[in-house]
N, C-alpha and C. Protein backbone atom coordinates (compact mmCIF):
# COMPACT_ATOMS: atom_id res chain seq x y z
N MET A 1 -90.46 35.65 -162.86
CA MET A 1 -91.24 35.37 -161.67
C MET A 1 -92.73 35.58 -161.94
N ASN A 2 -93.09 36.66 -162.62
CA ASN A 2 -94.48 36.94 -162.92
C ASN A 2 -95.07 35.85 -163.81
N ASN A 3 -94.30 35.37 -164.79
CA ASN A 3 -94.76 34.32 -165.68
C ASN A 3 -94.97 33.01 -164.91
N LEU A 4 -94.09 32.73 -163.97
CA LEU A 4 -94.22 31.54 -163.15
C LEU A 4 -95.50 31.61 -162.30
N PHE A 5 -95.79 32.77 -161.76
CA PHE A 5 -97.00 32.96 -160.97
C PHE A 5 -98.25 32.76 -161.82
N LEU A 6 -98.26 33.29 -163.04
CA LEU A 6 -99.41 33.12 -163.92
C LEU A 6 -99.62 31.66 -164.30
N LYS A 7 -98.54 30.93 -164.52
CA LYS A 7 -98.67 29.49 -164.82
C LYS A 7 -99.23 28.73 -163.62
N PHE A 8 -98.79 29.13 -162.43
CA PHE A 8 -99.30 28.50 -161.21
C PHE A 8 -100.80 28.76 -161.07
N ILE A 9 -101.23 29.97 -161.31
CA ILE A 9 -102.65 30.32 -161.23
C ILE A 9 -103.45 29.56 -162.28
N GLU A 10 -102.91 29.42 -163.48
CA GLU A 10 -103.60 28.66 -164.53
C GLU A 10 -103.75 27.20 -164.13
N LYS A 11 -102.73 26.62 -163.51
CA LYS A 11 -102.82 25.22 -163.06
C LYS A 11 -103.87 25.08 -161.96
N LEU A 12 -103.92 26.06 -161.06
CA LEU A 12 -104.94 26.02 -160.01
C LEU A 12 -106.34 26.09 -160.59
N GLY A 13 -106.50 26.84 -161.67
CA GLY A 13 -107.80 26.97 -162.31
C GLY A 13 -108.30 25.69 -162.95
N LEU A 14 -107.40 24.77 -163.24
CA LEU A 14 -107.77 23.51 -163.86
C LEU A 14 -108.21 22.45 -162.86
N ILE A 15 -107.95 22.68 -161.58
CA ILE A 15 -108.30 21.72 -160.55
C ILE A 15 -109.80 21.77 -160.28
N ASP A 16 -110.43 20.59 -160.23
CA ASP A 16 -111.86 20.52 -159.90
C ASP A 16 -112.00 20.65 -158.39
N ASN A 17 -112.68 21.68 -157.94
CA ASN A 17 -112.79 21.95 -156.51
C ASN A 17 -114.11 21.48 -155.90
N THR A 18 -114.85 20.65 -156.60
CA THR A 18 -116.15 20.20 -156.11
C THR A 18 -116.01 19.42 -154.80
N LEU A 19 -115.05 18.52 -154.75
CA LEU A 19 -114.86 17.72 -153.54
C LEU A 19 -114.43 18.60 -152.38
N LEU A 20 -113.55 19.54 -152.64
CA LEU A 20 -113.10 20.46 -151.59
C LEU A 20 -114.28 21.27 -151.05
N PHE A 21 -115.15 21.72 -151.94
CA PHE A 21 -116.34 22.47 -151.52
C PHE A 21 -117.25 21.60 -150.66
N ALA A 22 -117.44 20.36 -151.07
CA ALA A 22 -118.32 19.47 -150.31
C ALA A 22 -117.73 19.14 -148.94
N LEU A 23 -116.43 18.96 -148.89
CA LEU A 23 -115.79 18.61 -147.62
C LEU A 23 -115.66 19.80 -146.67
N SER A 24 -115.83 21.00 -147.19
CA SER A 24 -115.69 22.19 -146.34
C SER A 24 -116.80 22.30 -145.30
N ILE A 25 -117.86 21.53 -145.46
CA ILE A 25 -118.94 21.55 -144.47
C ILE A 25 -118.48 20.93 -143.15
N ILE A 26 -117.49 20.05 -143.20
CA ILE A 26 -117.03 19.37 -141.98
C ILE A 26 -116.40 20.36 -141.00
N PRO A 27 -115.38 21.15 -141.40
CA PRO A 27 -114.85 22.10 -140.41
C PRO A 27 -115.87 23.16 -139.99
N TYR A 28 -116.79 23.52 -140.88
CA TYR A 28 -117.80 24.51 -140.50
C TYR A 28 -118.77 23.91 -139.48
N ALA A 29 -119.11 22.64 -139.63
CA ALA A 29 -119.98 21.98 -138.65
C ALA A 29 -119.28 21.87 -137.30
N ILE A 30 -117.99 21.62 -137.31
CA ILE A 30 -117.23 21.58 -136.06
C ILE A 30 -117.22 22.96 -135.41
N PHE A 31 -117.02 23.99 -136.24
CA PHE A 31 -117.07 25.37 -135.74
C PHE A 31 -118.42 25.66 -135.09
N LEU A 32 -119.52 25.29 -135.76
CA LEU A 32 -120.85 25.54 -135.19
C LEU A 32 -121.06 24.76 -133.91
N PHE A 33 -120.57 23.53 -133.87
CA PHE A 33 -120.71 22.70 -132.67
C PHE A 33 -120.08 23.39 -131.46
N TYR A 34 -118.86 23.85 -131.62
CA TYR A 34 -118.18 24.50 -130.50
C TYR A 34 -118.71 25.91 -130.24
N LEU A 35 -119.21 26.57 -131.26
CA LEU A 35 -119.82 27.89 -131.05
C LEU A 35 -121.03 27.78 -130.15
N TYR A 36 -121.84 26.76 -130.36
CA TYR A 36 -123.04 26.59 -129.54
C TYR A 36 -122.72 26.20 -128.10
N LYS A 37 -121.51 25.74 -127.84
CA LYS A 37 -121.10 25.40 -126.47
C LYS A 37 -120.66 26.63 -125.68
N ILE A 38 -120.34 27.72 -126.36
CA ILE A 38 -119.88 28.92 -125.68
C ILE A 38 -121.09 29.68 -125.15
N LYS A 39 -121.17 29.82 -123.84
CA LYS A 39 -122.32 30.46 -123.21
C LYS A 39 -122.31 31.97 -123.37
N SER A 40 -121.13 32.58 -123.51
CA SER A 40 -121.05 34.04 -123.56
C SER A 40 -121.46 34.61 -124.92
N VAL A 41 -121.55 33.77 -125.92
CA VAL A 41 -121.97 34.23 -127.25
C VAL A 41 -123.49 34.15 -127.31
N ASN A 42 -124.13 35.27 -127.72
CA ASN A 42 -125.59 35.28 -127.71
C ASN A 42 -126.18 34.49 -128.88
N ASN A 43 -127.48 34.28 -128.81
CA ASN A 43 -128.15 33.43 -129.80
C ASN A 43 -128.21 34.06 -131.19
N PHE A 44 -128.13 35.39 -131.27
CA PHE A 44 -128.14 36.02 -132.59
C PHE A 44 -126.88 35.65 -133.38
N VAL A 45 -125.75 35.65 -132.72
CA VAL A 45 -124.50 35.28 -133.39
C VAL A 45 -124.57 33.81 -133.83
N LYS A 46 -125.04 32.96 -132.94
CA LYS A 46 -125.15 31.53 -133.27
C LYS A 46 -126.12 31.30 -134.42
N THR A 47 -127.24 32.00 -134.38
CA THR A 47 -128.23 31.85 -135.46
C THR A 47 -127.68 32.38 -136.78
N GLY A 48 -126.97 33.50 -136.72
CA GLY A 48 -126.41 34.08 -137.94
C GLY A 48 -125.43 33.13 -138.62
N PHE A 49 -124.54 32.53 -137.83
CA PHE A 49 -123.60 31.58 -138.42
C PHE A 49 -124.32 30.34 -138.92
N SER A 50 -125.41 29.95 -138.27
CA SER A 50 -126.19 28.81 -138.75
C SER A 50 -126.93 29.15 -140.04
N LEU A 51 -127.35 30.41 -140.19
CA LEU A 51 -128.02 30.83 -141.42
C LEU A 51 -127.09 30.76 -142.63
N THR A 52 -125.80 30.78 -142.39
CA THR A 52 -124.85 30.64 -143.50
C THR A 52 -125.01 29.27 -144.16
N VAL A 53 -125.32 28.26 -143.36
CA VAL A 53 -125.58 26.93 -143.93
C VAL A 53 -126.84 26.98 -144.79
N LEU A 54 -127.84 27.74 -144.35
CA LEU A 54 -129.05 27.91 -145.16
C LEU A 54 -128.71 28.61 -146.48
N PHE A 55 -127.83 29.60 -146.43
CA PHE A 55 -127.39 30.27 -147.65
C PHE A 55 -126.77 29.27 -148.62
N VAL A 56 -125.93 28.38 -148.13
CA VAL A 56 -125.29 27.38 -149.00
C VAL A 56 -126.34 26.46 -149.59
N LEU A 57 -127.28 26.02 -148.78
CA LEU A 57 -128.34 25.14 -149.28
C LEU A 57 -129.20 25.83 -150.34
N ILE A 58 -129.60 27.07 -150.08
CA ILE A 58 -130.40 27.83 -151.05
C ILE A 58 -129.61 28.03 -152.34
N THR A 59 -128.32 28.33 -152.22
CA THR A 59 -127.49 28.55 -153.41
C THR A 59 -127.40 27.28 -154.25
N ILE A 60 -127.23 26.14 -153.60
CA ILE A 60 -127.17 24.87 -154.33
C ILE A 60 -128.49 24.59 -155.04
N LEU A 61 -129.59 24.78 -154.33
CA LEU A 61 -130.90 24.51 -154.94
C LEU A 61 -131.20 25.45 -156.10
N VAL A 62 -130.89 26.72 -155.93
CA VAL A 62 -131.14 27.68 -157.00
C VAL A 62 -130.20 27.43 -158.18
N SER A 63 -128.99 26.97 -157.91
CA SER A 63 -128.05 26.63 -158.99
C SER A 63 -128.58 25.47 -159.82
N ILE A 64 -129.10 24.47 -159.14
CA ILE A 64 -129.68 23.32 -159.86
C ILE A 64 -130.88 23.77 -160.69
N PHE A 65 -131.70 24.65 -160.12
CA PHE A 65 -132.86 25.17 -160.85
C PHE A 65 -132.43 25.93 -162.10
N THR A 66 -131.43 26.80 -161.97
CA THR A 66 -131.01 27.59 -163.13
C THR A 66 -130.39 26.72 -164.21
N LEU A 67 -129.68 25.68 -163.80
CA LEU A 67 -129.12 24.76 -164.81
C LEU A 67 -130.21 24.02 -165.56
N ASN A 68 -131.25 23.60 -164.84
CA ASN A 68 -132.32 22.83 -165.48
C ASN A 68 -133.31 23.70 -166.24
N TYR A 69 -133.66 24.86 -165.69
CA TYR A 69 -134.71 25.69 -166.28
C TYR A 69 -134.16 26.64 -167.35
N TYR A 70 -133.02 27.27 -167.06
CA TYR A 70 -132.46 28.26 -167.98
C TYR A 70 -131.28 27.72 -168.79
N ASP A 71 -130.77 26.56 -168.43
CA ASP A 71 -129.58 25.98 -169.05
C ASP A 71 -128.39 26.93 -168.95
N LYS A 72 -128.29 27.60 -167.79
CA LYS A 72 -127.20 28.53 -167.50
C LYS A 72 -126.75 28.31 -166.06
N THR A 73 -125.58 28.85 -165.74
CA THR A 73 -125.12 28.79 -164.35
C THR A 73 -125.82 29.88 -163.55
N LEU A 74 -125.74 29.77 -162.24
CA LEU A 74 -126.40 30.73 -161.37
C LEU A 74 -125.85 32.14 -161.58
N VAL A 75 -124.58 32.25 -161.85
CA VAL A 75 -123.96 33.57 -162.03
C VAL A 75 -124.54 34.28 -163.26
N GLU A 76 -125.03 33.53 -164.22
CA GLU A 76 -125.56 34.12 -165.46
C GLU A 76 -127.01 34.59 -165.34
N VAL A 77 -127.69 34.20 -164.28
CA VAL A 77 -129.09 34.60 -164.08
C VAL A 77 -129.11 35.55 -162.89
N ASP A 78 -129.08 36.84 -163.20
CA ASP A 78 -128.83 37.86 -162.18
C ASP A 78 -129.86 37.87 -161.05
N PHE A 79 -131.14 37.82 -161.37
CA PHE A 79 -132.14 37.97 -160.31
C PHE A 79 -132.13 36.77 -159.36
N LEU A 80 -131.84 35.58 -159.87
CA LEU A 80 -131.75 34.42 -158.99
C LEU A 80 -130.45 34.42 -158.19
N HIS A 81 -129.38 34.91 -158.81
CA HIS A 81 -128.12 35.03 -158.10
C HIS A 81 -128.26 36.03 -156.96
N GLY A 82 -128.93 37.14 -157.22
CA GLY A 82 -129.17 38.12 -156.17
C GLY A 82 -130.05 37.57 -155.07
N LEU A 83 -131.04 36.77 -155.44
CA LEU A 83 -131.92 36.15 -154.45
C LEU A 83 -131.12 35.23 -153.54
N ALA A 84 -130.26 34.41 -154.13
CA ALA A 84 -129.44 33.50 -153.33
C ALA A 84 -128.48 34.27 -152.43
N GLU A 85 -127.86 35.31 -152.97
CA GLU A 85 -126.91 36.11 -152.18
C GLU A 85 -127.60 36.88 -151.06
N SER A 86 -128.89 37.14 -151.21
CA SER A 86 -129.60 37.86 -150.15
C SER A 86 -129.64 37.05 -148.86
N PHE A 87 -129.60 35.74 -148.96
CA PHE A 87 -129.56 34.91 -147.76
C PHE A 87 -128.23 35.06 -147.03
N LEU A 88 -127.14 35.27 -147.76
CA LEU A 88 -125.86 35.55 -147.13
C LEU A 88 -125.89 36.91 -146.44
N THR A 89 -126.51 37.89 -147.09
CA THR A 89 -126.64 39.21 -146.49
C THR A 89 -127.47 39.14 -145.21
N LEU A 90 -128.53 38.36 -145.24
CA LEU A 90 -129.36 38.18 -144.05
C LEU A 90 -128.54 37.59 -142.90
N SER A 91 -127.79 36.54 -143.18
CA SER A 91 -126.99 35.92 -142.12
C SER A 91 -125.93 36.89 -141.60
N ASP A 92 -125.33 37.68 -142.50
CA ASP A 92 -124.33 38.66 -142.07
C ASP A 92 -124.94 39.71 -141.15
N PHE A 93 -126.14 40.18 -141.46
CA PHE A 93 -126.79 41.17 -140.61
C PHE A 93 -127.14 40.59 -139.24
N VAL A 94 -127.57 39.33 -139.20
CA VAL A 94 -127.89 38.71 -137.91
C VAL A 94 -126.61 38.56 -137.08
N ILE A 95 -125.51 38.17 -137.71
CA ILE A 95 -124.23 38.06 -137.00
C ILE A 95 -123.81 39.44 -136.48
N LEU A 96 -123.90 40.45 -137.32
CA LEU A 96 -123.52 41.80 -136.92
C LEU A 96 -124.38 42.29 -135.76
N PHE A 97 -125.68 42.09 -135.85
CA PHE A 97 -126.59 42.49 -134.77
C PHE A 97 -126.23 41.78 -133.47
N GLY A 98 -125.89 40.49 -133.57
CA GLY A 98 -125.51 39.73 -132.39
C GLY A 98 -124.23 40.25 -131.76
N PHE A 99 -123.24 40.59 -132.59
CA PHE A 99 -122.00 41.12 -132.03
C PHE A 99 -122.19 42.52 -131.45
N ILE A 100 -123.06 43.32 -132.06
CA ILE A 100 -123.36 44.64 -131.50
C ILE A 100 -124.01 44.48 -130.13
N ARG A 101 -124.94 43.57 -130.01
CA ARG A 101 -125.58 43.32 -128.70
C ARG A 101 -124.57 42.79 -127.70
N LEU A 102 -123.65 41.95 -128.17
CA LEU A 102 -122.62 41.41 -127.29
C LEU A 102 -121.71 42.51 -126.78
N LEU A 103 -121.30 43.40 -127.67
CA LEU A 103 -120.45 44.51 -127.27
C LEU A 103 -121.17 45.48 -126.33
N ASN A 104 -122.45 45.71 -126.57
CA ASN A 104 -123.22 46.61 -125.70
C ASN A 104 -123.44 46.01 -124.31
N SER A 105 -123.41 44.70 -124.22
CA SER A 105 -123.64 44.07 -122.92
C SER A 105 -122.37 44.02 -122.06
N ILE A 106 -121.21 44.27 -122.68
CA ILE A 106 -119.97 44.27 -121.91
C ILE A 106 -119.88 45.57 -121.11
N GLU A 107 -119.67 45.42 -119.83
CA GLU A 107 -119.59 46.58 -118.95
C GLU A 107 -118.24 47.26 -119.11
N VAL A 108 -118.26 48.56 -119.30
CA VAL A 108 -117.03 49.32 -119.46
C VAL A 108 -116.58 49.80 -118.09
N ASN A 109 -115.34 49.51 -117.74
CA ASN A 109 -114.77 49.95 -116.46
C ASN A 109 -113.94 51.20 -116.68
N ASN A 110 -114.39 52.31 -116.12
CA ASN A 110 -113.63 53.56 -116.20
C ASN A 110 -112.76 53.68 -114.97
N SER A 111 -111.51 54.10 -115.18
CA SER A 111 -110.62 54.23 -114.01
C SER A 111 -110.59 55.64 -113.49
C-alpha cells in the first residue's frame, strides 16, 4: 500500500499544473464577487481577500524577474521570495484585522 501511494505521488508530480493555476483565478473571482455583495462583512475583510490577488500578481512578476535577471526560480532567490511572500502576510493581517473588528462589533447577549 505504501509503495502504491508513493507511485501515485510520483505520477502527480509529473503533471504540469500551469493551466490549473491559471484557471484557479475563476473560482476566486467568483468568491470575491459574492463577498462584496455581503453587507455584513466589513471592508477590511474584503480588501484583505482582494490583496491576495495582488500577492499573486507580485509573485508572478517577481518570478519572471528572477528567471530573467538571475536565471533562477523565485524560490532560489531568498530576498525576492521573502519580498513576494510579504504581500501575502500583508493581506492575511488585513483579513485578520477585519475579522477582529467584525467579532468586536457583534453584540453579546448575556442571559
